Structures are given as structure tokens and as C-alpha cells.
Amino acid sequence: MDWLSIVESGGILITAYLLFLLIKEFKKSIKESKKGKVSGKCNLD
């Protein structure tokens, strides 16, 4: 293997890992926003 292919495969791994982290944070923020909406409804009642 030459350096270019090693760097490219590493870049793919890094990109996949970053996407995984982004999706995890995105799901967490969706859960928190749903909690906020629910508590907001409770406060209105």
C-alpha cells in the first residue's frame, strides 16, 4: 500500500466517526427538545 491509499482509508474512517458523533448529538438534542415541549405543555396546564 502506498501512503495515499492509507491516508484515504484513514480519512474515510475519520469521516465515518465524525458522522457517528454528529448523529449521536443530533438524536440527543431531539430527545431534549421533545422533553422541553412536554414540560412546556405541562406548565401551560
PDB file of N, CA and C in Angstrom:
ATOM      1  N   MET A   1       0.849  -1.209   0.000  1.00  0.00           N
ATOM      2  CA  MET A   1       0.000   0.000   0.000  1.00  0.00           C
ATOM      3  C   MET A   1       0.881   1.254   0.000  1.00  0.00           C
ATOM      4  N   ASP A   2       0.505   2.225  -0.793  1.00  0.00           N
ATOM      5  CA  ASP A   2       1.234   3.497  -0.769  1.00  0.00           C
ATOM      6  C   ASP A   2       0.559   4.447   0.230  1.00  0.00           C
ATOM      7  N   TRP A   3       1.248   5.533   0.540  1.00  0.00           N
ATOM      8  CA  TRP A   3       0.765   6.456   1.569  1.00  0.00           C
ATOM      9  C   TRP A   3      -0.597   7.047   1.232  1.00  0.00           C
ATOM     10  N   LEU A   4      -0.828   7.322  -0.057  1.00  0.00           N
ATOM     11  CA  LEU A   4      -2.082   7.964  -0.453  1.00  0.00           C
ATOM     12  C   LEU A   4      -3.281   7.093  -0.085  1.00  0.00           C
ATOM     13  N   SER A   5      -3.190   5.796  -0.378  1.00  0.00           N
ATOM     14  CA  SER A   5      -4.320   4.912  -0.073  1.00  0.00           C
ATOM     15  C   SER A   5      -4.504   4.756   1.435  1.00  0.00           C
ATOM     16  N   ILE A   6      -3.399   4.774   2.192  1.00  0.00           N
ATOM     17  CA  ILE A   6      -3.502   4.699   3.655  1.00  0.00           C
ATOM     18  C   ILE A   6      -4.210   5.941   4.191  1.00  0.00           C
ATOM     19  N   VAL A   7      -3.812   7.100   3.692  1.00  0.00           N
ATOM     20  CA  VAL A   7      -4.428   8.356   4.130  1.00  0.00           C
ATOM     21  C   VAL A   7      -5.907   8.383   3.748  1.00  0.00           C
ATOM     22  N   GLU A   8      -6.223   7.909   2.543  1.00  0.00           N
ATOM     23  CA  GLU A   8      -7.623   7.912   2.104  1.00  0.00           C
ATOM     24  C   GLU A   8      -8.469   6.999   2.975  1.00  0.00           C
ATOM     25  N   SER A   9      -7.976   5.800   3.286  1.00  0.00           N
ATOM     26  CA  SER A   9      -8.746   4.887   4.133  1.00  0.00           C
ATOM     27  C   SER A   9      -8.889   5.466   5.541  1.00  0.00           C
ATOM     28  N   GLY A  10      -7.841   6.123   6.036  1.00  0.00           N
ATOM     29  CA  GLY A  10      -7.924   6.776   7.339  1.00  0.00           C
ATOM     30  C   GLY A  10      -8.927   7.915   7.319  1.00  0.00           C
ATOM     31  N   GLY A  11      -8.944   8.667   6.223  1.00  0.00           N
ATOM     32  CA  GLY A  11      -9.893   9.771   6.090  1.00  0.00           C
ATOM     33  C   GLY A  11     -11.330   9.281   6.103  1.00  0.00           C
ATOM     34  N   ILE A  12     -11.553   8.122   5.459  1.00  0.00           N
ATOM     35  CA  ILE A  12     -12.905   7.550   5.443  1.00  0.00           C
ATOM     36  C   ILE A  12     -13.309   7.161   6.863  1.00  0.00           C
ATOM     37  N   LEU A  13     -12.376   6.564   7.602  1.00  0.00           N
ATOM     38  CA  LEU A  13     -12.674   6.176   8.986  1.00  0.00           C
ATOM     39  C   LEU A  13     -12.995   7.396   9.836  1.00  0.00           C
ATOM     40  N   ILE A  14     -12.191   8.438   9.693  1.00  0.00           N
ATOM     41  CA  ILE A  14     -12.404   9.668  10.467  1.00  0.00           C
ATOM     42  C   ILE A  14     -13.755  10.290  10.107  1.00  0.00           C
ATOM     43  N   THR A  15     -14.065  10.330   8.811  1.00  0.00           N
ATOM     44  CA  THR A  15     -15.338  10.893   8.364  1.00  0.00           C
ATOM     45  C   THR A  15     -16.509  10.104   8.935  1.00  0.00           C
ATOM     46  N   ALA A  16     -16.404   8.773   8.903  1.00  0.00           N
ATOM     47  CA  ALA A  16     -17.472   7.922   9.433  1.00  0.00           C
ATOM     48  C   ALA A  16     -17.642   8.165  10.934  1.00  0.00           C
ATOM     49  N   TYR A  17     -16.520   8.306  11.645  1.00  0.00           N
ATOM     50  CA  TYR A  17     -16.567   8.544  13.090  1.00  0.00           C
ATOM     51  C   TYR A  17     -17.209   9.888  13.403  1.00  0.00           C
ATOM     52  N   LEU A  18     -16.845  10.918  12.639  1.00  0.00           N
ATOM     53  CA  LEU A  18     -17.434  12.247  12.844  1.00  0.00           C
ATOM     54  C   LEU A  18     -18.934  12.220  12.564  1.00  0.00           C
ATOM     55  N   LEU A  19     -19.335  11.524  11.503  1.00  0.00           N
ATOM     56  CA  LEU A  19     -20.762  11.399  11.197  1.00  0.00           C
ATOM     57  C   LEU A  19     -21.484  10.705  12.348  1.00  0.00           C
ATOM     58  N   PHE A  20     -20.866   9.650  12.894  1.00  0.00           N
ATOM     59  CA  PHE A  20     -21.451   8.926  14.019  1.00  0.00           C
ATOM     60  C   PHE A  20     -21.658   9.852  15.213  1.00  0.00           C
ATOM     61  N   LEU A  21     -20.644  10.664  15.525  1.00  0.00           N
ATOM     62  CA  LEU A  21     -20.758  11.611  16.641  1.00  0.00           C
ATOM     63  C   LEU A  21     -21.854  12.637  16.377  1.00  0.00           C
ATOM     64  N   LEU A  22     -21.917  13.146  15.144  1.00  0.00           N
ATOM     65  CA  LEU A  22     -22.937  14.136  14.788  1.00  0.00           C
ATOM     66  C   LEU A  22     -24.331  13.555  14.971  1.00  0.00           C
ATOM     67  N   ILE A  23     -24.538  12.327  14.495  1.00  0.00           N
ATOM     68  CA  ILE A  23     -25.853  11.689  14.598  1.00  0.00           C
ATOM     69  C   ILE A  23     -26.211  11.484  16.067  1.00  0.00           C
ATOM     70  N   LYS A  24     -25.217  11.082  16.886  1.00  0.00           N
ATOM     71  CA  LYS A  24     -25.457  10.872  18.309  1.00  0.00           C
ATOM     72  C   LYS A  24     -25.900  12.170  18.977  1.00  0.00           C
ATOM     73  N   GLU A  25     -25.177  13.261  18.705  1.00  0.00           N
ATOM     74  CA  GLU A  25     -25.523  14.566  19.277  1.00  0.00           C
ATOM     75  C   GLU A  25     -26.895  15.024  18.779  1.00  0.00           C
ATOM     76  N   PHE A  26     -27.181  14.777  17.497  1.00  0.00           N
ATOM     77  CA  PHE A  26     -28.452  15.180  16.901  1.00  0.00           C
ATOM     78  C   PHE A  26     -29.608  14.462  17.588  1.00  0.00           C
ATOM     79  N   LYS A  27     -29.464  13.144  17.804  1.00  0.00           N
ATOM     80  CA  LYS A  27     -30.511  12.379  18.476  1.00  0.00           C
ATOM     81  C   LYS A  27     -30.711  12.883  19.896  1.00  0.00           C
ATOM     82  N   LYS A  28     -29.598  13.207  20.583  1.00  0.00           N
ATOM     83  CA  LYS A  28     -29.682  13.695  21.955  1.00  0.00           C
ATOM     84  C   LYS A  28     -30.451  15.014  22.003  1.00  0.00           C
ATOM     85  N   SER A  29     -30.156  15.913  21.057  1.00  0.00           N
ATOM     86  CA  SER A  29     -30.818  17.217  21.043  1.00  0.00           C
ATOM     87  C   SER A  29     -32.299  17.065  20.715  1.00  0.00           C
ATOM     88  N   ILE A  30     -32.646  16.084  19.871  1.00  0.00           N
ATOM     89  CA  ILE A  30     -34.060  15.837  19.560  1.00  0.00           C
ATOM     90  C   ILE A  30     -34.778  15.373  20.829  1.00  0.00           C
ATOM     91  N   LYS A  31     -34.162  14.459  21.579  1.00  0.00           N
ATOM     92  CA  LYS A  31     -34.774  13.983  22.826  1.00  0.00           C
ATOM     93  C   LYS A  31     -34.980  15.140  23.789  1.00  0.00           C
ATOM     94  N   GLU A  32     -33.968  16.009  23.914  1.00  0.00           N
ATOM     95  CA  GLU A  32     -34.062  17.134  24.838  1.00  0.00           C
ATOM     96  C   GLU A  32     -35.145  18.115  24.401  1.00  0.00           C
ATOM     97  N   SER A  33     -35.271  18.351  23.097  1.00  0.00           N
ATOM     98  CA  SER A  33     -36.291  19.276  22.615  1.00  0.00           C
ATOM     99  C   SER A  33     -37.685  18.683  22.838  1.00  0.00           C
ATOM    100  N   LYS A  34     -37.826  17.361  22.703  1.00  0.00           N
ATOM    101  CA  LYS A  34     -39.112  16.720  22.987  1.00  0.00           C
ATOM    102  C   LYS A  34     -39.454  16.864  24.464  1.00  0.00           C
ATOM    103  N   LYS A  35     -38.464  16.673  25.340  1.00  0.00           N
ATOM    104  CA  LYS A  35     -38.680  16.856  26.777  1.00  0.00           C
ATOM    105  C   LYS A  35     -39.116  18.285  27.058  1.00  0.00           C
ATOM    106  N   GLY A  36     -38.468  19.246  26.405  1.00  0.00           N
ATOM    107  CA  GLY A  36     -38.801  20.650  26.595  1.00  0.00           C
ATOM    108  C   GLY A  36     -40.233  20.939  26.181  1.00  0.00           C
ATOM    109  N   LYS A  37     -40.660  20.366  25.050  1.00  0.00           N
ATOM    110  CA  LYS A  37     -42.032  20.576  24.583  1.00  0.00           C
ATOM    111  C   LYS A  37     -43.025  19.970  25.567  1.00  0.00           C
ATOM    112  N   VAL A  38     -42.720  18.774  26.064  1.00  0.00           N
ATOM    113  CA  VAL A  38     -43.623  18.105  27.007  1.00  0.00           C
ATOM    114  C   VAL A  38     -43.739  18.920  28.293  1.00  0.00           C
ATOM    115  N   SER A  39     -42.609  19.367  28.835  1.00  0.00           N
ATOM    116  CA  SER A  39     -42.645  20.142  30.073  1.00  0.00           C
ATOM    117  C   SER A  39     -43.342  21.479  29.831  1.00  0.00           C
ATOM    118  N   GLY A  40     -43.196  22.039  28.634  1.00  0.00           N
ATOM    119  CA  GLY A  40     -43.876  23.282  28.295  1.00  0.00           C
ATOM    120  C   GLY A  40     -45.383  23.096  28.318  1.00  0.00           C
ATOM    121  N   LYS A  41     -45.860  21.965  27.785  1.00  0.00           N
ATOM    122  CA  LYS A  41     -47.292  21.683  27.804  1.00  0.00           C
ATOM    123  C   LYS A  41     -47.783  21.530  29.241  1.00  0.00           C
ATOM    124  N   CYS A  42     -46.995  20.861  30.068  1.00  0.00           N
ATOM    125  CA  CYS A  42     -47.372  20.673  31.468  1.00  0.00           C
ATOM    126  C   CYS A  42     -47.484  22.027  32.172  1.00  0.00           C
ATOM    127  N   ASN A  43     -46.566  22.933  31.881  1.00  0.00           N
ATOM    128  CA  ASN A  43     -46.590  24.254  32.504  1.00  0.00           C
ATOM    129  C   ASN A  43     -47.840  25.024  32.086  1.00  0.00           C
ATOM    130  N   LEU A  44     -48.283  24.855  30.833  1.00  0.00           N
ATOM    131  CA  LEU A  44     -49.482  25.551  30.365  1.00  0.00           C
ATOM    132  C   LEU A  44     -50.718  25.054  31.108  1.00  0.00           C
ATOM    133  N   ASP A  45     -50.764  23.751  31.390  1.00  0.00           N
ATOM    134  CA  ASP A  45     -51.901  23.201  32.122  1.00  0.00           C
ATOM    135  C   ASP A  45     -51.851  23.704  33.566  1.00  0.00           C
TER     136      ASP A  45
END
